[in-house]
Amino acid sequence: MEDYIINVGQIEELQTINDTNSLDTIFQRAKRTIVGGGIVALVRQQRSGQTDRFEEFSTPEDLEAYKKNVYKYLTT
């Protein structure tokens, strides 16, 4: 199975505008990838266009911990 890539810049944008629907969609796809045996990778795109892969999740528990961290910064 192919890795699922999450661009943290996009996550930060969605946090800023409080778009929980889009965040939910991203995390649902990520969970399906892990359940299917794949890896979820976090990347950050540099201004030069280069993407730096800096963290990977391979268990639902690790992904859930990251998701909780993302959601705690949303305003309710």
PDB file of N, CA and C in Angstrom:
ATOM      1  N   MET A   1       0.843  -1.180   0.000  1.00  0.00           N
ATOM      2  CA  MET A   1       0.000   0.000   0.000  1.00  0.00           C
ATOM      3  C   MET A   1       0.891   1.247   0.000  1.00  0.00           C
ATOM      4  N   GLU A   2       0.440   2.230  -0.698  1.00  0.00           N
ATOM      5  CA  GLU A   2       1.180   3.483  -0.801  1.00  0.00           C
ATOM      6  C   GLU A   2       1.031   4.307   0.474  1.00  0.00           C
ATOM      7  N   ASP A   3       2.091   5.041   0.831  1.00  0.00           N
ATOM      8  CA  ASP A   3       2.039   5.906   2.006  1.00  0.00           C
ATOM      9  C   ASP A   3       1.038   7.035   1.787  1.00  0.00           C
ATOM     10  N   TYR A   4       0.419   7.470   2.870  1.00  0.00           N
ATOM     11  CA  TYR A   4      -0.475   8.634   2.828  1.00  0.00           C
ATOM     12  C   TYR A   4       0.326   9.810   3.372  1.00  0.00           C
ATOM     13  N   ILE A   5       0.431  10.860   2.596  1.00  0.00           N
ATOM     14  CA  ILE A   5       1.238  12.025   2.951  1.00  0.00           C
ATOM     15  C   ILE A   5       0.329  13.134   3.460  1.00  0.00           C
ATOM     16  N   ILE A   6       0.674  13.658   4.635  1.00  0.00           N
ATOM     17  CA  ILE A   6      -0.043  14.807   5.196  1.00  0.00           C
ATOM     18  C   ILE A   6       0.910  15.989   5.193  1.00  0.00           C
ATOM     19  N   ASN A   7       0.507  17.051   4.512  1.00  0.00           N
ATOM     20  CA  ASN A   7       1.283  18.286   4.491  1.00  0.00           C
ATOM     21  C   ASN A   7       0.883  19.102   5.727  1.00  0.00           C
ATOM     22  N   VAL A   8       1.819  19.287   6.649  1.00  0.00           N
ATOM     23  CA  VAL A   8       1.466  19.976   7.891  1.00  0.00           C
ATOM     24  C   VAL A   8       1.114  21.450   7.660  1.00  0.00           C
ATOM     25  N   GLY A   9       1.589  22.020   6.574  1.00  0.00           N
ATOM     26  CA  GLY A   9       1.187  23.385   6.241  1.00  0.00           C
ATOM     27  C   GLY A   9      -0.306  23.464   5.981  1.00  0.00           C
ATOM     28  N   GLN A  10      -0.842  22.447   5.309  1.00  0.00           N
ATOM     29  CA  GLN A  10      -2.274  22.382   5.056  1.00  0.00           C
ATOM     30  C   GLN A  10      -3.038  22.190   6.369  1.00  0.00           C
ATOM     31  N   ILE A  11      -2.514  21.340   7.251  1.00  0.00           N
ATOM     32  CA  ILE A  11      -3.149  21.129   8.556  1.00  0.00           C
ATOM     33  C   ILE A  11      -3.207  22.456   9.318  1.00  0.00           C
ATOM     34  N   GLU A  12      -2.121  23.197   9.300  1.00  0.00           N
ATOM     35  CA  GLU A  12      -2.077  24.482  10.007  1.00  0.00           C
ATOM     36  C   GLU A  12      -3.085  25.469   9.430  1.00  0.00           C
ATOM     37  N   GLU A  13      -3.226  25.486   8.100  1.00  0.00           N
ATOM     38  CA  GLU A  13      -4.220  26.368   7.467  1.00  0.00           C
ATOM     39  C   GLU A  13      -5.632  25.994   7.910  1.00  0.00           C
ATOM     40  N   LEU A  14      -5.921  24.699   7.916  1.00  0.00           N
ATOM     41  CA  LEU A  14      -7.248  24.241   8.309  1.00  0.00           C
ATOM     42  C   LEU A  14      -7.517  24.536   9.784  1.00  0.00           C
ATOM     43  N   GLN A  15      -6.491  24.467  10.613  1.00  0.00           N
ATOM     44  CA  GLN A  15      -6.644  24.845  12.025  1.00  0.00           C
ATOM     45  C   GLN A  15      -7.001  26.324  12.133  1.00  0.00           C
ATOM     46  N   THR A  16      -6.331  27.144  11.337  1.00  0.00           N
ATOM     47  CA  THR A  16      -6.542  28.588  11.392  1.00  0.00           C
ATOM     48  C   THR A  16      -7.975  28.963  11.048  1.00  0.00           C
ATOM     49  N   ILE A  17      -8.545  28.281  10.054  1.00  0.00           N
ATOM     50  CA  ILE A  17      -9.916  28.611   9.648  1.00  0.00           C
ATOM     51  C   ILE A  17     -10.947  27.709  10.323  1.00  0.00           C
ATOM     52  N   ASN A  18     -10.471  26.841  11.224  1.00  0.00           N
ATOM     53  CA  ASN A  18     -11.366  25.976  12.011  1.00  0.00           C
ATOM     54  C   ASN A  18     -12.187  25.028  11.127  1.00  0.00           C
ATOM     55  N   ASP A  19     -11.563  24.489  10.083  1.00  0.00           N
ATOM     56  CA  ASP A  19     -12.252  23.615   9.139  1.00  0.00           C
ATOM     57  C   ASP A  19     -12.171  22.162   9.625  1.00  0.00           C
ATOM     58  N   THR A  20     -13.045  21.813  10.555  1.00  0.00           N
ATOM     59  CA  THR A  20     -13.008  20.471  11.129  1.00  0.00           C
ATOM     60  C   THR A  20     -13.459  19.405  10.130  1.00  0.00           C
ATOM     61  N   ASN A  21     -14.314  19.748   9.183  1.00  0.00           N
ATOM     62  CA  ASN A  21     -14.748  18.769   8.178  1.00  0.00           C
ATOM     63  C   ASN A  21     -13.573  18.292   7.332  1.00  0.00           C
ATOM     64  N   SER A  22     -12.747  19.209   6.875  1.00  0.00           N
ATOM     65  CA  SER A  22     -11.580  18.840   6.077  1.00  0.00           C
ATOM     66  C   SER A  22     -10.567  18.069   6.913  1.00  0.00           C
ATOM     67  N   LEU A  23     -10.377  18.491   8.156  1.00  0.00           N
ATOM     68  CA  LEU A  23      -9.466  17.768   9.036  1.00  0.00           C
ATOM     69  C   LEU A  23      -9.966  16.344   9.277  1.00  0.00           C
ATOM     70  N   ASP A  24     -11.269  16.209   9.498  1.00  0.00           N
ATOM     71  CA  ASP A  24     -11.854  14.874   9.695  1.00  0.00           C
ATOM     72  C   ASP A  24     -11.594  13.984   8.482  1.00  0.00           C
ATOM     73  N   THR A  25     -11.753  14.535   7.296  1.00  0.00           N
ATOM     74  CA  THR A  25     -11.531  13.779   6.061  1.00  0.00           C
ATOM     75  C   THR A  25     -10.081  13.313   5.970  1.00  0.00           C
ATOM     76  N   ILE A  26      -9.157  14.194   6.262  1.00  0.00           N
ATOM     77  CA  ILE A  26      -7.736  13.842   6.220  1.00  0.00           C
ATOM     78  C   ILE A  26      -7.437  12.711   7.204  1.00  0.00           C
ATOM     79  N   PHE A  27      -7.940  12.829   8.420  1.00  0.00           N
ATOM     80  CA  PHE A  27      -7.644  11.811   9.422  1.00  0.00           C
ATOM     81  C   PHE A  27      -8.366  10.488   9.141  1.00  0.00           C
ATOM     82  N   GLN A  28      -9.526  10.533   8.506  1.00  0.00           N
ATOM     83  CA  GLN A  28     -10.203   9.292   8.119  1.00  0.00           C
ATOM     84  C   GLN A  28      -9.392   8.543   7.060  1.00  0.00           C
ATOM     85  N   ARG A  29      -8.884   9.286   6.079  1.00  0.00           N
ATOM     86  CA  ARG A  29      -8.049   8.667   5.043  1.00  0.00           C
ATOM     87  C   ARG A  29      -6.762   8.111   5.653  1.00  0.00           C
ATOM     88  N   ALA A  30      -6.188   8.855   6.575  1.00  0.00           N
ATOM     89  CA  ALA A  30      -4.957   8.403   7.227  1.00  0.00           C
ATOM     90  C   ALA A  30      -5.202   7.107   8.001  1.00  0.00           C
ATOM     91  N   LYS A  31      -6.318   7.046   8.693  1.00  0.00           N
ATOM     92  CA  LYS A  31      -6.637   5.845   9.470  1.00  0.00           C
ATOM     93  C   LYS A  31      -6.840   4.646   8.548  1.00  0.00           C
ATOM     94  N   ARG A  32      -7.540   4.855   7.430  1.00  0.00           N
ATOM     95  CA  ARG A  32      -7.738   3.758   6.471  1.00  0.00           C
ATOM     96  C   ARG A  32      -6.403   3.253   5.928  1.00  0.00           C
ATOM     97  N   THR A  33      -5.487   4.160   5.717  1.00  0.00           N
ATOM     98  CA  THR A  33      -4.154   3.772   5.227  1.00  0.00           C
ATOM     99  C   THR A  33      -3.445   2.893   6.240  1.00  0.00           C
ATOM    100  N   ILE A  34      -3.469   3.301   7.506  1.00  0.00           N
ATOM    101  CA  ILE A  34      -2.804   2.525   8.552  1.00  0.00           C
ATOM    102  C   ILE A  34      -3.465   1.163   8.723  1.00  0.00           C
ATOM    103  N   VAL A  35      -4.792   1.132   8.757  1.00  0.00           N
ATOM    104  CA  VAL A  35      -5.509  -0.137   8.902  1.00  0.00           C
ATOM    105  C   VAL A  35      -5.183  -1.065   7.727  1.00  0.00           C
ATOM    106  N   GLY A  36      -4.975  -0.501   6.563  1.00  0.00           N
ATOM    107  CA  GLY A  36      -4.641  -1.284   5.380  1.00  0.00           C
ATOM    108  C   GLY A  36      -3.180  -1.689   5.304  1.00  0.00           C
ATOM    109  N   GLY A  37      -2.401  -1.331   6.325  1.00  0.00           N
ATOM    110  CA  GLY A  37      -1.000  -1.732   6.358  1.00  0.00           C
ATOM    111  C   GLY A  37      -0.023  -0.691   5.854  1.00  0.00           C
ATOM    112  N   GLY A  38      -0.502   0.492   5.561  1.00  0.00           N
ATOM    113  CA  GLY A  38       0.373   1.549   5.059  1.00  0.00           C
ATOM    114  C   GLY A  38       0.929   2.427   6.166  1.00  0.00           C
ATOM    115  N   ILE A  39       1.651   3.436   5.758  1.00  0.00           N
ATOM    116  CA  ILE A  39       2.270   4.388   6.677  1.00  0.00           C
ATOM    117  C   ILE A  39       1.748   5.783   6.352  1.00  0.00           C
ATOM    118  N   VAL A  40       1.535   6.577   7.397  1.00  0.00           N
ATOM    119  CA  VAL A  40       1.159   7.976   7.238  1.00  0.00           C
ATOM    120  C   VAL A  40       2.400   8.802   7.530  1.00  0.00           C
ATOM    121  N   ALA A  41       2.758   9.669   6.600  1.00  0.00           N
ATOM    122  CA  ALA A  41       3.954  10.485   6.752  1.00  0.00           C
ATOM    123  C   ALA A  41       3.585  11.963   6.824  1.00  0.00           C
ATOM    124  N   LEU A  42       4.252  12.676   7.721  1.00  0.00           N
ATOM    125  CA  LEU A  42       4.096  14.125   7.807  1.00  0.00           C
ATOM    126  C   LEU A  42       5.228  14.777   7.032  1.00  0.00           C
ATOM    127  N   VAL A  43       4.873  15.751   6.203  1.00  0.00           N
ATOM    128  CA  VAL A  43       5.870  16.494   5.438  1.00  0.00           C
ATOM    129  C   VAL A  43       5.620  17.984   5.586  1.00  0.00           C
ATOM    130  N   ARG A  44       6.685  18.724   5.432  1.00  0.00           N
ATOM    131  CA  ARG A  44       6.583  20.184   5.400  1.00  0.00           C
ATOM    132  C   ARG A  44       7.238  20.648   4.108  1.00  0.00           C
ATOM    133  N   GLN A  45       6.513  21.474   3.367  1.00  0.00           N
ATOM    134  CA  GLN A  45       7.046  21.986   2.111  1.00  0.00           C
ATOM    135  C   GLN A  45       7.797  23.287   2.376  1.00  0.00           C
ATOM    136  N   GLN A  46       9.042  23.332   1.898  1.00  0.00           N
ATOM    137  CA  GLN A  46       9.878  24.513   2.049  1.00  0.00           C
ATOM    138  C   GLN A  46       9.564  25.513   0.942  1.00  0.00           C
ATOM    139  N   ARG A  47      10.004  26.723   1.119  1.00  0.00           N
ATOM    140  CA  ARG A  47       9.750  27.753   0.096  1.00  0.00           C
ATOM    141  C   ARG A  47      10.422  27.412  -1.224  1.00  0.00           C
ATOM    142  N   SER A  48      11.490  26.656  -1.160  1.00  0.00           N
ATOM    143  CA  SER A  48      12.199  26.252  -2.377  1.00  0.00           C
ATOM    144  C   SER A  48      11.427  25.200  -3.168  1.00  0.00           C
ATOM    145  N   GLY A  49      10.362  24.666  -2.573  1.00  0.00           N
ATOM    146  CA  GLY A  49       9.572  23.633  -3.221  1.00  0.00           C
ATOM    147  C   GLY A  49       9.925  22.240  -2.732  1.00  0.00           C
ATOM    148  N   GLN A  50      11.019  22.122  -2.010  1.00  0.00           N
ATOM    149  CA  GLN A  50      11.449  20.833  -1.464  1.00  0.00           C
ATOM    150  C   GLN A  50      10.528  20.428  -0.315  1.00  0.00           C
ATOM    151  N   THR A  51      10.205  19.137  -0.243  1.00  0.00           N
ATOM    152  CA  THR A  51       9.401  18.653   0.870  1.00  0.00           C
ATOM    153  C   THR A  51      10.274  17.833   1.794  1.00  0.00           C
ATOM    154  N   ASP A  52      10.153  18.096   3.085  1.00  0.00           N
ATOM    155  CA  ASP A  52      10.913  17.390   4.103  1.00  0.00           C
ATOM    156  C   ASP A  52       9.978  16.466   4.862  1.00  0.00           C
ATOM    157  N   ARG A  53      10.252  15.200   4.796  1.00  0.00           N
ATOM    158  CA  ARG A  53       9.477  14.188   5.525  1.00  0.00           C
ATOM    159  C   ARG A  53      10.107  14.075   6.909  1.00  0.00           C
ATOM    160  N   PHE A  54       9.313  14.352   7.951  1.00  0.00           N
ATOM    161  CA  PHE A  54       9.929  14.409   9.269  1.00  0.00           C
ATOM    162  C   PHE A  54       9.316  13.494  10.315  1.00  0.00           C
ATOM    163  N   GLU A  55       8.173  12.883  10.030  1.00  0.00           N
ATOM    164  CA  GLU A  55       7.586  11.958  10.998  1.00  0.00           C
ATOM    165  C   GLU A  55       6.684  10.971  10.276  1.00  0.00           C
ATOM    166  N   GLU A  56       6.621   9.750  10.811  1.00  0.00           N
ATOM    167  CA  GLU A  56       5.767   8.712  10.239  1.00  0.00           C
ATOM    168  C   GLU A  56       4.965   8.040  11.336  1.00  0.00           C
ATOM    169  N   PHE A  57       3.754   7.613  10.972  1.00  0.00           N
ATOM    170  CA  PHE A  57       2.891   6.868  11.891  1.00  0.00           C
ATOM    171  C   PHE A  57       2.527   5.546  11.232  1.00  0.00           C
ATOM    172  N   SER A  58       2.593   4.478  12.007  1.00  0.00           N
ATOM    173  CA  SER A  58       2.226   3.173  11.469  1.00  0.00           C
ATOM    174  C   SER A  58       1.204   2.457  12.351  1.00  0.00           C
ATOM    175  N   THR A  59       0.825   3.099  13.463  1.00  0.00           N
ATOM    176  CA  THR A  59      -0.187   2.495  14.343  1.00  0.00           C
ATOM    177  C   THR A  59      -1.332   3.477  14.546  1.00  0.00           C
ATOM    178  N   PRO A  60      -2.545   2.956  14.741  1.00  0.00           N
ATOM    179  CA  PRO A  60      -3.690   3.843  14.987  1.00  0.00           C
ATOM    180  C   PRO A  60      -3.497   4.698  16.243  1.00  0.00           C
ATOM    181  N   GLU A  61      -2.806   4.172  17.244  1.00  0.00           N
ATOM    182  CA  GLU A  61      -2.590   4.918  18.486  1.00  0.00           C
ATOM    183  C   GLU A  61      -1.704   6.145  18.255  1.00  0.00           C
ATOM    184  N   ASP A  62      -0.655   5.980  17.444  1.00  0.00           N
ATOM    185  CA  ASP A  62       0.224   7.120  17.137  1.00  0.00           C
ATOM    186  C   ASP A  62      -0.521   8.187  16.347  1.00  0.00           C
ATOM    187  N   LEU A  63      -1.321   7.742  15.380  1.00  0.00           N
ATOM    188  CA  LEU A  63      -2.105   8.688  14.587  1.00  0.00           C
ATOM    189  C   LEU A  63      -3.108   9.420  15.465  1.00  0.00           C
ATOM    190  N   GLU A  64      -3.754   8.709  16.368  1.00  0.00           N
ATOM    191  CA  GLU A  64      -4.747   9.314  17.261  1.00  0.00           C
ATOM    192  C   GLU A  64      -4.097  10.366  18.166  1.00  0.00           C
ATOM    193  N   ALA A  65      -2.893  10.095  18.631  1.00  0.00           N
ATOM    194  CA  ALA A  65      -2.174  11.070  19.466  1.00  0.00           C
ATOM    195  C   ALA A  65      -1.886  12.342  18.667  1.00  0.00           C
ATOM    196  N   TYR A  66      -1.479  12.192  17.402  1.00  0.00           N
ATOM    197  CA  TYR A  66      -1.232  13.361  16.555  1.00  0.00           C
ATOM    198  C   TYR A  66      -2.533  14.122  16.305  1.00  0.00           C
ATOM    199  N   LYS A  67      -3.610  13.380  16.032  1.00  0.00           N
ATOM    200  CA  LYS A  67      -4.919  13.999  15.780  1.00  0.00           C
ATOM    201  C   LYS A  67      -5.368  14.820  16.990  1.00  0.00           C
ATOM    202  N   LYS A  68      -5.223  14.270  18.183  1.00  0.00           N
ATOM    203  CA  LYS A  68      -5.598  15.006  19.399  1.00  0.00           C
ATOM    204  C   LYS A  68      -4.791  16.293  19.525  1.00  0.00           C
ATOM    205  N   ASN A  69      -3.519  16.216  19.172  1.00  0.00           N
ATOM    206  CA  ASN A  69      -2.669  17.401  19.241  1.00  0.00           C
ATOM    207  C   ASN A  69      -3.138  18.471  18.255  1.00  0.00           C
ATOM    208  N   VAL A  70      -3.553  18.040  17.060  1.00  0.00           N
ATOM    209  CA  VAL A  70      -4.052  18.980  16.045  1.00  0.00           C
ATOM    210  C   VAL A  70      -5.352  19.626  16.522  1.00  0.00           C
ATOM    211  N   TYR A  71      -6.267  18.841  17.024  1.00  0.00           N
ATOM    212  CA  TYR A  71      -7.592  19.343  17.404  1.00  0.00           C
ATOM    213  C   TYR A  71      -7.566  20.223  18.659  1.00  0.00           C
ATOM    214  N   LYS A  72      -6.557  20.075  19.489  1.00  0.00           N
ATOM    215  CA  LYS A  72      -6.547  20.888  20.701  1.00  0.00           C
ATOM    216  C   LYS A  72      -6.320  22.374  20.420  1.00  0.00           C
ATOM    217  N   TYR A  73      -5.840  22.693  19.218  1.00  0.00           N
ATOM    218  CA  TYR A  73      -5.600  24.081  18.862  1.00  0.00           C
ATOM    219  C   TYR A  73      -6.765  24.734  18.129  1.00  0.00           C
ATOM    220  N   LEU A  74      -7.855  23.993  17.951  1.00  0.00           N
ATOM    221  CA  LEU A  74      -9.040  24.567  17.306  1.00  0.00           C
ATOM    222  C   LEU A  74      -9.847  25.353  18.320  1.00  0.00           C
ATOM    223  N   THR A  75     -10.423  26.440  17.846  1.00  0.00           N
ATOM    224  CA  THR A  75     -11.292  27.220  18.732  1.00  0.00           C
ATOM    225  C   THR A  75     -12.705  26.691  18.603  1.00  0.00           C
ATOM    226  N   THR A  76     -13.395  26.621  19.703  1.00  0.00           N
ATOM    227  CA  THR A  76     -14.754  26.083  19.672  1.00  0.00           C
ATOM    228  C   THR A  76     -15.785  27.168  19.828  1.00  0.00           C
TER     229      THR A  76
END
